[in-house]
Amino acid sequence: MSILEKIVANTKAGLIQKKAELSLEQIKSSLEDLELPRGRFKDNISNKDEAIIAEIKKASPSAGVIVDAFDPVTKAIDYEAFGASALSILTEEDFFMGSVDYLKDVKKVTALPILRKDFIIDEYQLYESKLIGADCILLIASILSDHQIKDFINITKKLELDYLIEVHDENELQRVEHFEDALIGVNNRNLKTFEVDLDNSVRLRNVFKQKNIFIAESGIKSREDMNYLKLNGINVFLIGESLMRGSF
């Protein structure tokens, strides 16, 4: 079983407990009472010479613990001062040491829109994302069927959330490129082997002919990497580990 398969299996098990503690019907009822605003993630990264989605994460399966003194609120404030256009926050608990509480806490101190970075496999997580304050959700093509992607997109639109579809190869890109409202993210890290290839974004950008916002994710370690990607038609970047370590 690959790491990705383990994460998905663990997520399924965790959802059983979550639903027992707070049902989908209870979340929907809370959302009706709160009348939360529309997500504006897409607006914040559009029509810019370059846009950085700065990621907040404590750990990952490939890197282990990235920072010991982890303070998501302070990091969010730093990112906003740095000039980030948006934030990405890991909420997966067991493999990335994330938490929905991190997203809720950060939402209180920043005006930047937030992508909930998690392994979404159930509609429950979409409604939960809206409730905790996310502006955008992640749909990973490799762990979802075409039917699931379509259904989840319909729900995100009702919830007025933006959505980023993550792909890793040309086949996955072809499966999702017809979703005109989607943000298309190319993960340069293979989630099955966790190897990184920055040129993966370049290859897929060259075959992508739609007008969606196109985002390079993972493996971006320097301004030189960003400039290389910009020369190849990519100007939105999701950057995590190097920013967390302060090495960017």
C-alpha atoms as a PDB file:
ATOM      1  CA  MET A   1       0.000   0.000   0.000  1.00  0.00           C
ATOM      2  CA  SER A   2       1.415   3.401  -1.028  1.00  0.00           C
ATOM      3  CA  ILE A   3       1.578   6.349   1.386  1.00  0.00           C
ATOM      4  CA  LEU A   4      -1.280   7.971  -0.500  1.00  0.00           C
ATOM      5  CA  GLU A   5      -3.427   4.857  -0.127  1.00  0.00           C
ATOM      6  CA  LYS A   6      -2.633   4.763   3.592  1.00  0.00           C
ATOM      7  CA  ILE A   7      -3.655   8.409   3.970  1.00  0.00           C
ATOM      8  CA  VAL A   8      -6.949   7.820   2.163  1.00  0.00           C
ATOM      9  CA  ALA A   9      -7.716   4.715   4.237  1.00  0.00           C
ATOM     10  CA  ASN A  10      -6.906   6.606   7.420  1.00  0.00           C
ATOM     11  CA  THR A  11      -9.120   9.506   6.319  1.00  0.00           C
ATOM     12  CA  LYS A  12     -12.046   7.141   5.746  1.00  0.00           C
ATOM     13  CA  ALA A  13     -11.628   5.702   9.232  1.00  0.00           C
ATOM     14  CA  GLY A  14     -11.389   9.150  10.780  1.00  0.00           C
ATOM     15  CA  LEU A  15     -14.572  10.297   9.095  1.00  0.00           C
ATOM     16  CA  ILE A  16     -16.559   7.590  10.895  1.00  0.00           C
ATOM     17  CA  GLN A  17     -15.563   9.132  14.214  1.00  0.00           C
ATOM     18  CA  LYS A  18     -16.148  12.694  13.014  1.00  0.00           C
ATOM     19  CA  LYS A  19     -19.659  11.914  11.823  1.00  0.00           C
ATOM     20  CA  ALA A  20     -20.443  10.287  15.159  1.00  0.00           C
ATOM     21  CA  GLU A  21     -19.361  13.452  16.990  1.00  0.00           C
ATOM     22  CA  LEU A  22     -21.002  15.957  14.621  1.00  0.00           C
ATOM     23  CA  SER A  23     -23.414  14.803  11.943  1.00  0.00           C
ATOM     24  CA  LEU A  24     -23.675  16.224   8.446  1.00  0.00           C
ATOM     25  CA  GLU A  25     -27.187  17.390   9.256  1.00  0.00           C
ATOM     26  CA  GLN A  26     -25.871  19.348  12.249  1.00  0.00           C
ATOM     27  CA  ILE A  27     -23.207  21.014  10.093  1.00  0.00           C
ATOM     28  CA  LYS A  28     -25.791  21.965   7.466  1.00  0.00           C
ATOM     29  CA  SER A  29     -28.027  23.430  10.159  1.00  0.00           C
ATOM     30  CA  SER A  30     -25.140  25.485  11.550  1.00  0.00           C
ATOM     31  CA  LEU A  31     -24.324  26.796   8.082  1.00  0.00           C
ATOM     32  CA  GLU A  32     -27.904  27.953   7.580  1.00  0.00           C
ATOM     33  CA  ASP A  33     -27.741  29.906  10.830  1.00  0.00           C
ATOM     34  CA  LEU A  34     -24.337  31.471  10.128  1.00  0.00           C
ATOM     35  CA  GLU A  35     -24.819  32.639   6.525  1.00  0.00           C
ATOM     36  CA  LEU A  36     -21.073  32.652   5.825  1.00  0.00           C
ATOM     37  CA  PRO A  37     -19.731  34.784   2.932  1.00  0.00           C
ATOM     38  CA  ARG A  38     -18.619  33.521  -0.473  1.00  0.00           C
ATOM     39  CA  GLY A  39     -15.059  32.315  -0.769  1.00  0.00           C
ATOM     40  CA  ARG A  40     -12.784  34.785  -2.590  1.00  0.00           C
ATOM     41  CA  PHE A  41      -9.697  32.682  -2.995  1.00  0.00           C
ATOM     42  CA  LYS A  42      -9.817  32.757  -6.777  1.00  0.00           C
ATOM     43  CA  ASP A  43     -10.264  36.536  -6.840  1.00  0.00           C
ATOM     44  CA  ASN A  44      -7.146  37.071  -4.740  1.00  0.00           C
ATOM     45  CA  ILE A  45      -4.812  35.122  -7.026  1.00  0.00           C
ATOM     46  CA  SER A  46      -6.243  36.362 -10.338  1.00  0.00           C
ATOM     47  CA  ASN A  47      -4.838  38.974 -12.720  1.00  0.00           C
ATOM     48  CA  LYS A  48      -1.469  39.364 -11.012  1.00  0.00           C
ATOM     49  CA  ASP A  49       2.062  39.295 -12.367  1.00  0.00           C
ATOM     50  CA  GLU A  50       2.684  36.631  -9.758  1.00  0.00           C
ATOM     51  CA  ALA A  51       0.746  35.228  -6.823  1.00  0.00           C
ATOM     52  CA  ILE A  52       2.044  33.125  -3.963  1.00  0.00           C
ATOM     53  CA  ILE A  53      -0.182  30.757  -2.014  1.00  0.00           C
ATOM     54  CA  ALA A  54       1.825  30.383   1.186  1.00  0.00           C
ATOM     55  CA  GLU A  55       1.349  27.086   2.961  1.00  0.00           C
ATOM     56  CA  ILE A  56       1.219  26.432   6.684  1.00  0.00           C
ATOM     57  CA  LYS A  57       2.159  22.901   7.679  1.00  0.00           C
ATOM     58  CA  LYS A  58       4.012  21.337  10.559  1.00  0.00           C
ATOM     59  CA  ALA A  59       5.089  18.096   8.901  1.00  0.00           C
ATOM     60  CA  SER A  60       4.798  15.852   5.865  1.00  0.00           C
ATOM     61  CA  PRO A  61       5.461  12.160   5.134  1.00  0.00           C
ATOM     62  CA  SER A  62       8.437  13.070   2.953  1.00  0.00           C
ATOM     63  CA  ALA A  63      10.077  15.682   5.191  1.00  0.00           C
ATOM     64  CA  GLY A  64       8.992  14.602   8.663  1.00  0.00           C
ATOM     65  CA  VAL A  65       8.595  17.437  11.159  1.00  0.00           C
ATOM     66  CA  ILE A  66       9.419  20.672   9.322  1.00  0.00           C
ATOM     67  CA  VAL A  67       9.349  23.035  12.300  1.00  0.00           C
ATOM     68  CA  ASP A  68       9.345  22.095  15.971  1.00  0.00           C
ATOM     69  CA  ALA A  69       8.163  25.475  17.254  1.00  0.00           C
ATOM     70  CA  PHE A  70       4.997  25.481  15.155  1.00  0.00           C
ATOM     71  CA  ASP A  71       2.782  28.556  15.473  1.00  0.00           C
ATOM     72  CA  PRO A  72       0.274  28.765  12.609  1.00  0.00           C
ATOM     73  CA  VAL A  73      -1.163  32.117  13.699  1.00  0.00           C
ATOM     74  CA  THR A  74       2.219  33.860  13.787  1.00  0.00           C
ATOM     75  CA  LYS A  75       3.182  32.236  10.491  1.00  0.00           C
ATOM     76  CA  ALA A  76      -0.024  33.484   8.851  1.00  0.00           C
ATOM     77  CA  ILE A  77       0.672  37.033  10.023  1.00  0.00           C
ATOM     78  CA  ASP A  78       4.229  36.755   8.688  1.00  0.00           C
ATOM     79  CA  TYR A  79       2.987  35.465   5.329  1.00  0.00           C
ATOM     80  CA  GLU A  80       0.528  38.327   4.982  1.00  0.00           C
ATOM     81  CA  ALA A  81       3.311  40.831   5.712  1.00  0.00           C
ATOM     82  CA  PHE A  82       5.515  38.984   3.212  1.00  0.00           C
ATOM     83  CA  GLY A  83       2.956  39.684   0.491  1.00  0.00           C
ATOM     84  CA  ALA A  84       1.256  36.327   0.024  1.00  0.00           C
ATOM     85  CA  SER A  85      -1.953  36.450  -1.992  1.00  0.00           C
ATOM     86  CA  ALA A  86      -3.564  33.533  -0.160  1.00  0.00           C
ATOM     87  CA  LEU A  87      -2.883  30.828   2.395  1.00  0.00           C
ATOM     88  CA  SER A  88      -2.971  27.033   2.311  1.00  0.00           C
ATOM     89  CA  ILE A  89      -3.398  25.224   5.626  1.00  0.00           C
ATOM     90  CA  LEU A  90      -2.926  21.497   6.185  1.00  0.00           C
ATOM     91  CA  THR A  91      -5.736  20.007   8.247  1.00  0.00           C
ATOM     92  CA  GLU A  92      -4.865  16.299   7.868  1.00  0.00           C
ATOM     93  CA  GLU A  93      -3.963  15.183  11.376  1.00  0.00           C
ATOM     94  CA  ASP A  94      -1.973  11.959  11.289  1.00  0.00           C
ATOM     95  CA  PHE A  95       0.458  12.247   8.375  1.00  0.00           C
ATOM     96  CA  PHE A  96       0.847  16.053   8.228  1.00  0.00           C
ATOM     97  CA  MET A  97       0.154  16.899  11.898  1.00  0.00           C
ATOM     98  CA  GLY A  98      -2.502  19.367  10.779  1.00  0.00           C
ATOM     99  CA  SER A  99      -5.777  20.386  12.383  1.00  0.00           C
ATOM    100  CA  VAL A 100      -9.007  22.138  11.483  1.00  0.00           C
ATOM    101  CA  ASP A 101      -8.345  24.240  14.581  1.00  0.00           C
ATOM    102  CA  TYR A 102      -5.285  25.737  12.876  1.00  0.00           C
ATOM    103  CA  LEU A 103      -7.484  26.981  10.055  1.00  0.00           C
ATOM    104  CA  LYS A 104     -10.087  28.373  12.434  1.00  0.00           C
ATOM    105  CA  ASP A 105      -7.437  30.160  14.495  1.00  0.00           C
ATOM    106  CA  VAL A 106      -5.738  31.654  11.432  1.00  0.00           C
ATOM    107  CA  LYS A 107      -9.066  32.838  10.030  1.00  0.00           C
ATOM    108  CA  LYS A 108      -9.417  35.119  13.059  1.00  0.00           C
ATOM    109  CA  VAL A 109      -6.169  37.021  12.417  1.00  0.00           C
ATOM    110  CA  THR A 110      -5.821  37.383   8.652  1.00  0.00           C
ATOM    111  CA  ALA A 111      -7.778  38.843   5.762  1.00  0.00           C
ATOM    112  CA  LEU A 112      -6.150  36.429   3.307  1.00  0.00           C
ATOM    113  CA  PRO A 113      -8.394  33.732   1.820  1.00  0.00           C
ATOM    114  CA  ILE A 114      -7.576  30.167   2.850  1.00  0.00           C
ATOM    115  CA  LEU A 115      -7.307  26.878   0.977  1.00  0.00           C
ATOM    116  CA  ARG A 116      -8.097  23.874   3.139  1.00  0.00           C
ATOM    117  CA  LYS A 117      -5.390  21.363   2.229  1.00  0.00           C
ATOM    118  CA  ASP A 118      -6.659  17.878   2.982  1.00  0.00           C
ATOM    119  CA  PHE A 119      -7.618  14.597   1.354  1.00  0.00           C
ATOM    120  CA  ILE A 120     -11.278  15.165   0.548  1.00  0.00           C
ATOM    121  CA  ILE A 121     -13.138  11.961  -0.236  1.00  0.00           C
ATOM    122  CA  ASP A 122     -16.592  12.631   1.242  1.00  0.00           C
ATOM    123  CA  GLU A 123     -19.181  15.403   0.925  1.00  0.00           C
ATOM    124  CA  TYR A 124     -19.040  15.754   4.715  1.00  0.00           C
ATOM    125  CA  GLN A 125     -15.609  17.366   4.373  1.00  0.00           C
ATOM    126  CA  LEU A 126     -16.963  19.990   1.967  1.00  0.00           C
ATOM    127  CA  TYR A 127     -19.611  21.206   4.387  1.00  0.00           C
ATOM    128  CA  GLU A 128     -17.091  20.999   7.226  1.00  0.00           C
ATOM    129  CA  SER A 129     -14.672  23.140   5.195  1.00  0.00           C
ATOM    130  CA  LYS A 130     -17.264  25.870   4.842  1.00  0.00           C
ATOM    131  CA  LEU A 131     -18.103  25.716   8.538  1.00  0.00           C
ATOM    132  CA  ILE A 132     -14.482  26.121   9.693  1.00  0.00           C
ATOM    133  CA  GLY A 133     -13.931  29.135   7.441  1.00  0.00           C
ATOM    134  CA  ALA A 134     -12.176  27.807   4.337  1.00  0.00           C
ATOM    135  CA  ASP A 135     -12.518  29.830   1.134  1.00  0.00           C
ATOM    136  CA  CYS A 136     -11.309  27.066  -1.171  1.00  0.00           C
ATOM    137  CA  ILE A 137     -11.057  23.282  -1.047  1.00  0.00           C
ATOM    138  CA  LEU A 138      -8.668  20.801  -2.650  1.00  0.00           C
ATOM    139  CA  LEU A 139      -9.844  17.973  -4.885  1.00  0.00           C
ATOM    140  CA  ILE A 140      -7.083  15.483  -5.698  1.00  0.00           C
ATOM    141  CA  ALA A 141      -7.869  13.835  -9.034  1.00  0.00           C
ATOM    142  CA  SER A 142      -5.872  10.694  -8.306  1.00  0.00           C
ATOM    143  CA  ILE A 143      -8.049   9.706  -5.333  1.00  0.00           C
ATOM    144  CA  LEU A 144     -11.427  10.656  -6.814  1.00  0.00           C
ATOM    145  CA  SER A 145     -13.549   9.240  -9.619  1.00  0.00           C
ATOM    146  CA  ASP A 146     -14.927  11.485 -12.349  1.00  0.00           C
ATOM    147  CA  HIS A 147     -18.364  11.111 -10.779  1.00  0.00           C
ATOM    148  CA  GLN A 148     -17.078  12.172  -7.359  1.00  0.00           C
ATOM    149  CA  ILE A 149     -15.299  15.209  -8.781  1.00  0.00           C
ATOM    150  CA  LYS A 150     -18.447  16.357 -10.575  1.00  0.00           C
ATOM    151  CA  ASP A 151     -20.642  15.852  -7.504  1.00  0.00           C
ATOM    152  CA  PHE A 152     -18.177  17.592  -5.178  1.00  0.00           C
ATOM    153  CA  ILE A 153     -17.883  20.557  -7.532  1.00  0.00           C
ATOM    154  CA  ASN A 154     -21.662  20.955  -7.566  1.00  0.00           C
ATOM    155  CA  ILE A 155     -21.651  21.044  -3.767  1.00  0.00           C
ATOM    156  CA  THR A 156     -18.784  23.554  -3.585  1.00  0.00           C
ATOM    157  CA  LYS A 157     -20.699  25.867  -5.909  1.00  0.00           C
ATOM    158  CA  LYS A 158     -23.779  25.700  -3.661  1.00  0.00           C
ATOM    159  CA  LEU A 159     -21.536  26.464  -0.696  1.00  0.00           C
ATOM    160  CA  GLU A 160     -19.886  29.316  -2.617  1.00  0.00           C
ATOM    161  CA  LEU A 161     -16.438  27.814  -2.157  1.00  0.00           C
ATOM    162  CA  ASP A 162     -13.678  27.976  -4.743  1.00  0.00           C
ATOM    163  CA  TYR A 163     -12.059  24.694  -5.675  1.00  0.00           C
ATOM    164  CA  LEU A 164      -8.583  23.654  -6.720  1.00  0.00           C
ATOM    165  CA  ILE A 165      -8.259  20.397  -8.643  1.00  0.00           C
ATOM    166  CA  GLU A 166      -4.832  18.854  -8.207  1.00  0.00           C
ATOM    167  CA  VAL A 167      -3.342  16.730 -10.970  1.00  0.00           C
ATOM    168  CA  HIS A 168      -0.030  14.930 -11.396  1.00  0.00           C
ATOM    169  CA  ASP A 169       0.055  13.842 -15.028  1.00  0.00           C
ATOM    170  CA  GLU A 170      -1.473  14.485 -18.433  1.00  0.00           C
ATOM    171  CA  ASN A 171      -4.152  11.827 -18.033  1.00  0.00           C
ATOM    172  CA  GLU A 172      -5.467  13.450 -14.864  1.00  0.00           C
ATOM    173  CA  LEU A 173      -5.297  16.866 -16.512  1.00  0.00           C
ATOM    174  CA  GLN A 174      -7.436  15.656 -19.413  1.00  0.00           C
ATOM    175  CA  ARG A 175     -10.021  14.328 -16.959  1.00  0.00           C
ATOM    176  CA  VAL A 176     -10.609  17.731 -15.346  1.00  0.00           C
ATOM    177  CA  GLU A 177      -9.676  20.447 -17.846  1.00  0.00           C
ATOM    178  CA  HIS A 178     -13.302  20.910 -18.929  1.00  0.00           C
ATOM    179  CA  PHE A 179     -14.260  22.365 -15.528  1.00  0.00           C
ATOM    180  CA  GLU A 180     -14.067  26.028 -16.503  1.00  0.00           C
ATOM    181  CA  ASP A 181     -14.319  27.464 -12.976  1.00  0.00           C
ATOM    182  CA  ALA A 182     -11.630  25.211 -11.514  1.00  0.00           C
ATOM    183  CA  LEU A 183      -8.236  26.286 -10.335  1.00  0.00           C
ATOM    184  CA  ILE A 184      -5.843  23.732 -11.805  1.00  0.00           C
ATOM    185  CA  GLY A 185      -2.888  22.804  -9.613  1.00  0.00           C
ATOM    186  CA  VAL A 186      -0.011  20.603 -10.724  1.00  0.00           C
ATOM    187  CA  ASN A 187       1.708  18.865  -7.868  1.00  0.00           C
ATOM    188  CA  ASN A 188       5.362  18.419  -8.747  1.00  0.00           C
ATOM    189  CA  ARG A 189       5.555  15.830  -5.995  1.00  0.00           C
ATOM    190  CA  ASN A 190       4.387  12.378  -6.980  1.00  0.00           C
ATOM    191  CA  LEU A 191       2.071  11.421  -4.111  1.00  0.00           C
ATOM    192  CA  LYS A 192       2.787   7.733  -4.667  1.00  0.00           C
ATOM    193  CA  THR A 193       6.595   7.940  -4.611  1.00  0.00           C
ATOM    194  CA  PHE A 194       6.961  11.465  -3.119  1.00  0.00           C
ATOM    195  CA  GLU A 195       9.682  12.278  -5.650  1.00  0.00           C
ATOM    196  CA  VAL A 196       9.758  15.911  -6.869  1.00  0.00           C
ATOM    197  CA  ASP A 197      10.179  17.137 -10.443  1.00  0.00           C
ATOM    198  CA  LEU A 198       9.716  20.882 -11.020  1.00  0.00           C
ATOM    199  CA  ASP A 199       9.453  20.317 -14.763  1.00  0.00           C
ATOM    200  CA  ASN A 200       6.221  18.418 -14.239  1.00  0.00           C
ATOM    201  CA  SER A 201       4.397  21.767 -14.076  1.00  0.00           C
ATOM    202  CA  VAL A 202       6.150  22.952 -17.227  1.00  0.00           C
ATOM    203  CA  ARG A 203       5.245  19.821 -19.177  1.00  0.00           C
ATOM    204  CA  LEU A 204       1.585  20.005 -18.238  1.00  0.00           C
ATOM    205  CA  ARG A 205       1.418  23.777 -18.792  1.00  0.00           C
ATOM    206  CA  ASN A 206       2.626  23.233 -22.343  1.00  0.00           C
ATOM    207  CA  VAL A 207      -0.252  20.867 -23.150  1.00  0.00           C
ATOM    208  CA  PHE A 208      -2.925  22.784 -21.231  1.00  0.00           C
ATOM    209  CA  LYS A 209      -4.910  25.024 -23.600  1.00  0.00           C
ATOM    210  CA  GLN A 210      -7.738  26.209 -21.336  1.00  0.00           C
ATOM    211  CA  LYS A 211      -7.982  29.578 -19.583  1.00  0.00           C
ATOM    212  CA  ASN A 212      -8.148  28.308 -16.000  1.00  0.00           C
ATOM    213  CA  ILE A 213      -5.744  29.671 -13.422  1.00  0.00           C
ATOM    214  CA  PHE A 214      -2.796  27.275 -13.479  1.00  0.00           C
ATOM    215  CA  ILE A 215      -0.844  26.706 -10.247  1.00  0.00           C
ATOM    216  CA  ALA A 216       2.544  25.075  -9.683  1.00  0.00           C
ATOM    217  CA  GLU A 217       2.733  23.181  -6.401  1.00  0.00           C
ATOM    218  CA  SER A 218       5.671  21.625  -4.501  1.00  0.00           C
ATOM    219  CA  GLY A 219       9.401  21.753  -5.060  1.00  0.00           C
ATOM    220  CA  ILE A 220       9.586  25.559  -5.388  1.00  0.00           C
ATOM    221  CA  LYS A 221      12.565  26.471  -3.246  1.00  0.00           C
ATOM    222  CA  SER A 222      13.761  29.844  -4.504  1.00  0.00           C
ATOM    223  CA  ARG A 223      13.061  32.966  -6.513  1.00  0.00           C
ATOM    224  CA  GLU A 224      15.051  31.310  -9.314  1.00  0.00           C
ATOM    225  CA  ASP A 225      12.554  28.429  -9.383  1.00  0.00           C
ATOM    226  CA  MET A 226       9.688  30.919  -9.607  1.00  0.00           C
ATOM    227  CA  ASN A 227      11.366  32.826 -12.430  1.00  0.00           C
ATOM    228  CA  TYR A 228      11.945  29.584 -14.330  1.00  0.00           C
ATOM    229  CA  LEU A 229       8.259  28.710 -14.031  1.00  0.00           C
ATOM    230  CA  LYS A 230       7.197  32.239 -15.029  1.00  0.00           C
ATOM    231  CA  LEU A 231       9.276  31.938 -18.204  1.00  0.00           C
ATOM    232  CA  ASN A 232       7.177  28.871 -18.976  1.00  0.00           C
ATOM    233  CA  GLY A 233       3.822  30.593 -18.540  1.00  0.00           C
ATOM    234  CA  ILE A 234       3.131  29.880 -14.860  1.00  0.00           C
ATOM    235  CA  ASN A 235       2.656  32.758 -12.421  1.00  0.00           C
ATOM    236  CA  VAL A 236       0.770  31.275  -9.460  1.00  0.00           C
ATOM    237  CA  PHE A 237       2.764  29.236  -6.969  1.00  0.00           C
ATOM    238  CA  LEU A 238       1.887  27.177  -3.927  1.00  0.00           C
ATOM    239  CA  ILE A 239       4.954  27.159  -1.694  1.00  0.00           C
ATOM    240  CA  GLY A 240       5.191  25.324   1.599  1.00  0.00           C
ATOM    241  CA  GLU A 241       8.287  23.700   3.000  1.00  0.00           C
ATOM    242  CA  SER A 242      10.841  26.331   1.957  1.00  0.00           C
ATOM    243  CA  LEU A 243       8.701  29.122   3.419  1.00  0.00           C
ATOM    244  CA  MET A 244       8.098  27.177   6.617  1.00  0.00           C
ATOM    245  CA  ARG A 245      11.831  26.611   7.041  1.00  0.00           C
ATOM    246  CA  GLY A 246      12.610  30.223   6.188  1.00  0.00           C
ATOM    247  CA  SER A 247      14.925  29.127   3.390  1.00  0.00           C
ATOM    248  CA  PHE A 248      13.029  30.655   0.458  1.00  0.00           C
END
